[in-house]
Amino acid sequence: MTASSWEKILNQVGHKPGKKARVIKHNVPKNRSCGKSRFVCQRCGRKNAVIKKYGLYLCRQCFREIAEEIGFINYS
């Protein structure tokens, strides 16, 4: 279930407090305290291969695209 689909269901059962509470309990994404899903790319939203060093929080693909603009130099 995607994030948008649980919100649609929440809107449909909005007037029924019992069902609304159950939808929220079982379908809202959790706040992660550890693991790969905790950090997301600030540019595109990917969860895989996020570079956290220097406070970048960019995935490797986005980092390659904007590395020279940020000031990183390729030495090879």
Protein backbone atom coordinates (compact mmCIF):
# COMPACT_ATOMS: atom_id res chain seq x y z
CA MET A 1 0.00 0.00 0.00
CA THR A 2 1.45 3.32 -1.00
CA ALA A 3 1.34 6.47 1.06
CA SER A 4 -1.30 8.04 -1.15
CA SER A 5 -3.65 5.02 -0.99
CA TRP A 6 -3.87 4.96 2.81
CA GLU A 7 -4.71 8.66 2.76
CA LYS A 8 -7.52 7.99 0.28
CA ILE A 9 -8.92 5.28 2.54
CA LEU A 10 -8.66 7.66 5.50
CA ASN A 11 -10.75 10.24 3.64
CA GLN A 12 -13.39 7.61 2.80
CA VAL A 13 -13.87 6.49 6.41
CA GLY A 14 -13.37 9.94 7.93
CA HIS A 15 -16.87 10.12 9.38
CA LYS A 16 -16.56 6.73 11.17
CA PRO A 17 -14.23 7.20 14.16
CA GLY A 18 -13.75 3.48 14.89
CA LYS A 19 -12.74 2.59 11.35
CA LYS A 20 -10.63 5.74 11.05
CA ALA A 21 -8.62 4.77 14.14
CA ARG A 22 -8.05 1.26 12.76
CA VAL A 23 -6.85 2.61 9.39
CA ILE A 24 -4.42 4.95 11.13
CA LYS A 25 -3.14 2.19 13.43
CA HIS A 26 -2.41 -0.34 10.70
CA ASN A 27 -1.57 1.72 7.60
CA VAL A 28 0.31 4.91 8.53
CA PRO A 29 4.06 4.57 7.82
CA LYS A 30 6.20 4.22 10.95
CA ASN A 31 8.90 6.65 12.01
CA ARG A 32 12.12 4.67 11.72
CA SER A 33 14.79 4.81 14.41
CA CYS A 34 17.39 2.74 12.55
CA GLY A 35 17.95 0.96 9.27
CA LYS A 36 18.08 1.81 5.59
CA SER A 37 14.64 3.42 5.46
CA ARG A 38 15.53 6.07 8.04
CA PHE A 39 17.37 8.37 5.62
CA VAL A 40 15.97 9.54 2.29
CA CYS A 41 17.53 11.60 -0.48
CA GLN A 42 16.65 15.27 -0.07
CA ARG A 43 16.50 15.71 -3.83
CA CYS A 44 14.58 12.72 -5.20
CA GLY A 45 13.32 10.76 -2.17
CA ARG A 46 15.18 7.48 -2.75
CA LYS A 47 16.02 5.37 0.29
CA ASN A 48 18.91 3.38 -1.13
CA ALA A 49 22.59 4.42 -1.13
CA VAL A 50 22.13 7.73 0.71
CA ILE A 51 25.36 9.65 1.34
CA LYS A 52 25.12 11.12 4.83
CA LYS A 53 28.69 12.35 5.13
CA TYR A 54 29.08 16.14 5.52
CA GLY A 55 25.30 16.36 6.03
CA LEU A 56 24.56 15.85 2.31
CA TYR A 57 21.72 13.27 2.53
CA LEU A 58 21.80 12.68 -1.24
CA CYS A 59 21.56 9.34 -3.04
CA ARG A 60 24.58 8.37 -5.11
CA GLN A 61 22.83 9.16 -8.40
CA CYS A 62 21.91 12.70 -7.36
CA PHE A 63 25.36 13.21 -5.87
CA ARG A 64 27.01 12.34 -9.19
CA GLU A 65 24.80 14.84 -11.00
CA ILE A 66 25.50 17.82 -8.73
CA ALA A 67 28.92 17.00 -7.22
CA GLU A 68 30.83 19.63 -9.24
CA GLU A 69 28.24 22.31 -8.45
CA ILE A 70 28.67 21.63 -4.73
CA GLY A 71 32.46 21.82 -5.01
CA PHE A 72 33.65 18.22 -5.10
CA ILE A 73 36.51 17.41 -7.50
CA ASN A 74 37.09 14.13 -9.32
CA TYR A 75 40.76 13.22 -8.91
CA SER A 76 40.90 10.12 -11.13
